[in-house]
Amino acid sequence: MPPRTASQILAEWHELAIQRDEASDADLAEAITARIEQVRREYIEGTPADHRPATGRAAVDDEPKIQMKLPL
């Protein structure tokens, strides 16, 4: 399965937020919040490691990337 685009991830994130706001059950809202967290991580960090194609790269490439704030 190819990685999702940023717009696909954001669309799911938005839909989940709407569902969470409309949820009447606290357990359901908590489960949706957990899924939102997974989607947020996917958006920030990229596709999870178990979904990445095997490339034979060194283990160092699997470490999370750090985004630096640059002055404007």
N, C-alpha and C. Protein backbone atom coordinates (compact mmCIF):
# COMPACT_ATOMS: atom_id res chain seq x y z
N MET A 1 0.84 -1.17 0.00
CA MET A 1 0.00 0.00 0.00
C MET A 1 0.89 1.24 0.00
N PRO A 2 0.68 2.16 -0.94
CA PRO A 2 1.51 3.37 -0.99
C PRO A 2 1.21 4.28 0.19
N PRO A 3 2.19 5.06 0.61
CA PRO A 3 1.95 5.98 1.72
C PRO A 3 0.87 7.00 1.35
N ARG A 4 0.15 7.45 2.35
CA ARG A 4 -0.92 8.42 2.11
C ARG A 4 -0.31 9.81 1.94
N THR A 5 -1.02 10.63 1.19
CA THR A 5 -0.57 12.02 1.01
C THR A 5 -0.97 12.82 2.24
N ALA A 6 -0.33 13.97 2.38
CA ALA A 6 -0.63 14.84 3.52
C ALA A 6 -2.11 15.24 3.51
N SER A 7 -2.66 15.50 2.33
CA SER A 7 -4.08 15.91 2.28
C SER A 7 -5.00 14.78 2.71
N GLN A 8 -4.65 13.52 2.40
CA GLN A 8 -5.46 12.39 2.85
C GLN A 8 -5.40 12.25 4.37
N ILE A 9 -4.21 12.41 4.92
CA ILE A 9 -4.05 12.32 6.38
C ILE A 9 -4.83 13.43 7.06
N LEU A 10 -4.70 14.64 6.56
CA LEU A 10 -5.40 15.78 7.17
C LEU A 10 -6.92 15.64 7.05
N ALA A 11 -7.38 15.06 5.95
CA ALA A 11 -8.82 14.84 5.79
C ALA A 11 -9.34 13.87 6.85
N GLU A 12 -8.59 12.79 7.09
CA GLU A 12 -9.01 11.84 8.13
C GLU A 12 -8.95 12.51 9.50
N TRP A 13 -7.89 13.26 9.76
CA TRP A 13 -7.71 13.96 11.03
C TRP A 13 -8.92 14.87 11.28
N HIS A 14 -9.32 15.63 10.28
CA HIS A 14 -10.46 16.54 10.40
C HIS A 14 -11.75 15.77 10.67
N GLU A 15 -11.98 14.70 9.92
CA GLU A 15 -13.19 13.89 10.10
C GLU A 15 -13.25 13.28 11.50
N LEU A 16 -12.10 12.79 11.99
CA LEU A 16 -12.06 12.22 13.33
C LEU A 16 -12.36 13.28 14.39
N ALA A 17 -11.85 14.48 14.20
CA ALA A 17 -12.11 15.55 15.16
C ALA A 17 -13.59 15.88 15.23
N ILE A 18 -14.25 15.89 14.09
CA ILE A 18 -15.70 16.13 14.06
C ILE A 18 -16.44 15.01 14.79
N GLN A 19 -16.06 13.76 14.50
CA GLN A 19 -16.70 12.61 15.16
C GLN A 19 -16.49 12.67 16.67
N ARG A 20 -15.28 13.04 17.09
CA ARG A 20 -14.99 13.12 18.53
C ARG A 20 -15.85 14.18 19.19
N ASP A 21 -16.01 15.33 18.53
CA ASP A 21 -16.83 16.41 19.10
C ASP A 21 -18.30 16.01 19.21
N GLU A 22 -18.77 15.17 18.28
CA GLU A 22 -20.17 14.74 18.27
C GLU A 22 -20.43 13.49 19.11
N ALA A 23 -19.37 12.81 19.57
CA ALA A 23 -19.54 11.56 20.32
C ALA A 23 -20.19 11.84 21.67
N SER A 24 -21.19 11.02 21.99
CA SER A 24 -21.89 11.19 23.26
C SER A 24 -21.31 10.29 24.34
N ASP A 25 -20.60 9.25 23.94
CA ASP A 25 -20.02 8.29 24.87
C ASP A 25 -18.56 8.66 25.13
N ALA A 26 -18.18 8.75 26.40
CA ALA A 26 -16.81 9.13 26.77
C ALA A 26 -15.79 8.11 26.27
N ASP A 27 -16.14 6.82 26.30
CA ASP A 27 -15.21 5.79 25.82
C ASP A 27 -14.98 5.91 24.31
N LEU A 28 -16.04 6.20 23.59
CA LEU A 28 -15.92 6.38 22.15
C LEU A 28 -15.05 7.61 21.84
N ALA A 29 -15.27 8.69 22.55
CA ALA A 29 -14.47 9.90 22.35
C ALA A 29 -13.01 9.63 22.65
N GLU A 30 -12.74 8.82 23.68
CA GLU A 30 -11.36 8.47 24.04
C GLU A 30 -10.71 7.63 22.94
N ALA A 31 -11.46 6.69 22.37
CA ALA A 31 -10.93 5.86 21.29
C ALA A 31 -10.64 6.70 20.05
N ILE A 32 -11.51 7.64 19.75
CA ILE A 32 -11.29 8.53 18.60
C ILE A 32 -10.08 9.41 18.85
N THR A 33 -9.90 9.87 20.07
CA THR A 33 -8.75 10.68 20.42
C THR A 33 -7.45 9.89 20.22
N ALA A 34 -7.47 8.61 20.58
CA ALA A 34 -6.29 7.76 20.38
C ALA A 34 -5.97 7.62 18.89
N ARG A 35 -7.00 7.47 18.07
CA ARG A 35 -6.78 7.37 16.62
C ARG A 35 -6.27 8.70 16.06
N ILE A 36 -6.77 9.80 16.57
CA ILE A 36 -6.29 11.12 16.14
C ILE A 36 -4.79 11.23 16.44
N GLU A 37 -4.38 10.73 17.58
CA GLU A 37 -2.95 10.77 17.94
C GLU A 37 -2.13 9.95 16.95
N GLN A 38 -2.63 8.79 16.53
CA GLN A 38 -1.92 7.97 15.54
C GLN A 38 -1.81 8.72 14.21
N VAL A 39 -2.89 9.34 13.80
CA VAL A 39 -2.89 10.08 12.53
C VAL A 39 -1.94 11.27 12.63
N ARG A 40 -1.93 11.94 13.77
CA ARG A 40 -1.02 13.07 13.98
C ARG A 40 0.43 12.63 13.85
N ARG A 41 0.77 11.49 14.48
CA ARG A 41 2.13 10.96 14.37
C ARG A 41 2.48 10.62 12.93
N GLU A 42 1.52 10.02 12.21
CA GLU A 42 1.77 9.68 10.81
C GLU A 42 2.03 10.95 10.00
N TYR A 43 1.29 12.01 10.28
CA TYR A 43 1.47 13.26 9.55
C TYR A 43 2.83 13.88 9.86
N ILE A 44 3.22 13.87 11.13
CA ILE A 44 4.47 14.50 11.54
C ILE A 44 5.69 13.65 11.18
N GLU A 45 5.63 12.36 11.48
CA GLU A 45 6.79 11.49 11.32
C GLU A 45 6.83 10.75 9.99
N GLY A 46 5.73 10.70 9.29
CA GLY A 46 5.67 9.95 8.05
C GLY A 46 5.02 8.59 8.27
N THR A 47 5.05 7.77 7.25
CA THR A 47 4.42 6.45 7.31
C THR A 47 5.11 5.61 8.38
N PRO A 48 4.34 4.87 9.21
CA PRO A 48 4.95 4.02 10.23
C PRO A 48 5.94 3.02 9.62
N ALA A 49 6.93 2.63 10.41
CA ALA A 49 8.01 1.76 9.93
C ALA A 49 7.50 0.45 9.35
N ASP A 50 6.44 -0.13 9.91
CA ASP A 50 5.94 -1.41 9.42
C ASP A 50 5.28 -1.30 8.05
N HIS A 51 5.01 -0.06 7.59
CA HIS A 51 4.41 0.13 6.28
C HIS A 51 5.42 0.63 5.25
N ARG A 52 6.65 0.88 5.67
CA ARG A 52 7.68 1.35 4.74
C ARG A 52 8.22 0.19 3.93
N PRO A 53 8.55 0.42 2.68
CA PRO A 53 9.15 -0.65 1.88
C PRO A 53 10.55 -0.97 2.38
N ALA A 54 10.93 -2.23 2.29
CA ALA A 54 12.26 -2.65 2.72
C ALA A 54 13.28 -2.15 1.70
N THR A 55 14.26 -1.38 2.18
CA THR A 55 15.24 -0.81 1.27
C THR A 55 16.65 -1.27 1.59
N GLY A 56 16.84 -1.91 2.73
CA GLY A 56 18.17 -2.36 3.11
C GLY A 56 19.04 -1.25 3.66
N ARG A 57 18.45 -0.13 4.04
CA ARG A 57 19.22 0.98 4.60
C ARG A 57 19.67 0.65 6.01
N ALA A 58 20.64 1.39 6.47
CA ALA A 58 21.17 1.20 7.82
C ALA A 58 20.11 1.58 8.85
N ALA A 59 20.24 1.06 10.06
CA ALA A 59 19.28 1.32 11.12
C ALA A 59 19.22 2.80 11.49
N VAL A 60 20.27 3.55 11.20
CA VAL A 60 20.30 4.97 11.51
C VAL A 60 19.20 5.70 10.75
N ASP A 61 18.86 5.24 9.55
CA ASP A 61 17.81 5.89 8.76
C ASP A 61 16.43 5.72 9.38
N ASP A 62 16.26 4.76 10.26
CA ASP A 62 14.96 4.52 10.89
C ASP A 62 14.70 5.42 12.08
N GLU A 63 15.71 6.19 12.50
CA GLU A 63 15.52 7.09 13.64
C GLU A 63 14.64 8.26 13.22
N PRO A 64 13.85 8.79 14.15
CA PRO A 64 12.97 9.90 13.80
C PRO A 64 13.78 11.12 13.38
N LYS A 65 13.24 11.86 12.46
CA LYS A 65 13.88 13.09 12.00
C LYS A 65 13.43 14.24 12.89
N ILE A 66 14.32 15.17 13.15
CA ILE A 66 14.01 16.32 13.98
C ILE A 66 13.91 17.54 13.08
N GLN A 67 12.82 18.24 13.20
CA GLN A 67 12.61 19.43 12.39
C GLN A 67 13.09 20.64 13.18
N MET A 68 13.95 21.42 12.58
CA MET A 68 14.49 22.60 13.25
C MET A 68 13.67 23.83 12.89
N LYS A 69 13.54 24.74 13.84
CA LYS A 69 12.90 26.01 13.56
C LYS A 69 13.96 26.95 13.02
N LEU A 70 13.71 27.52 11.88
CA LEU A 70 14.64 28.44 11.29
C LEU A 70 14.13 29.87 11.48
N PRO A 71 15.04 30.80 11.73
CA PRO A 71 14.59 32.18 11.90
C PRO A 71 14.04 32.73 10.59
N LEU A 72 13.05 33.60 10.73
CA LEU A 72 12.43 34.19 9.52
C LEU A 72 13.24 35.33 8.99
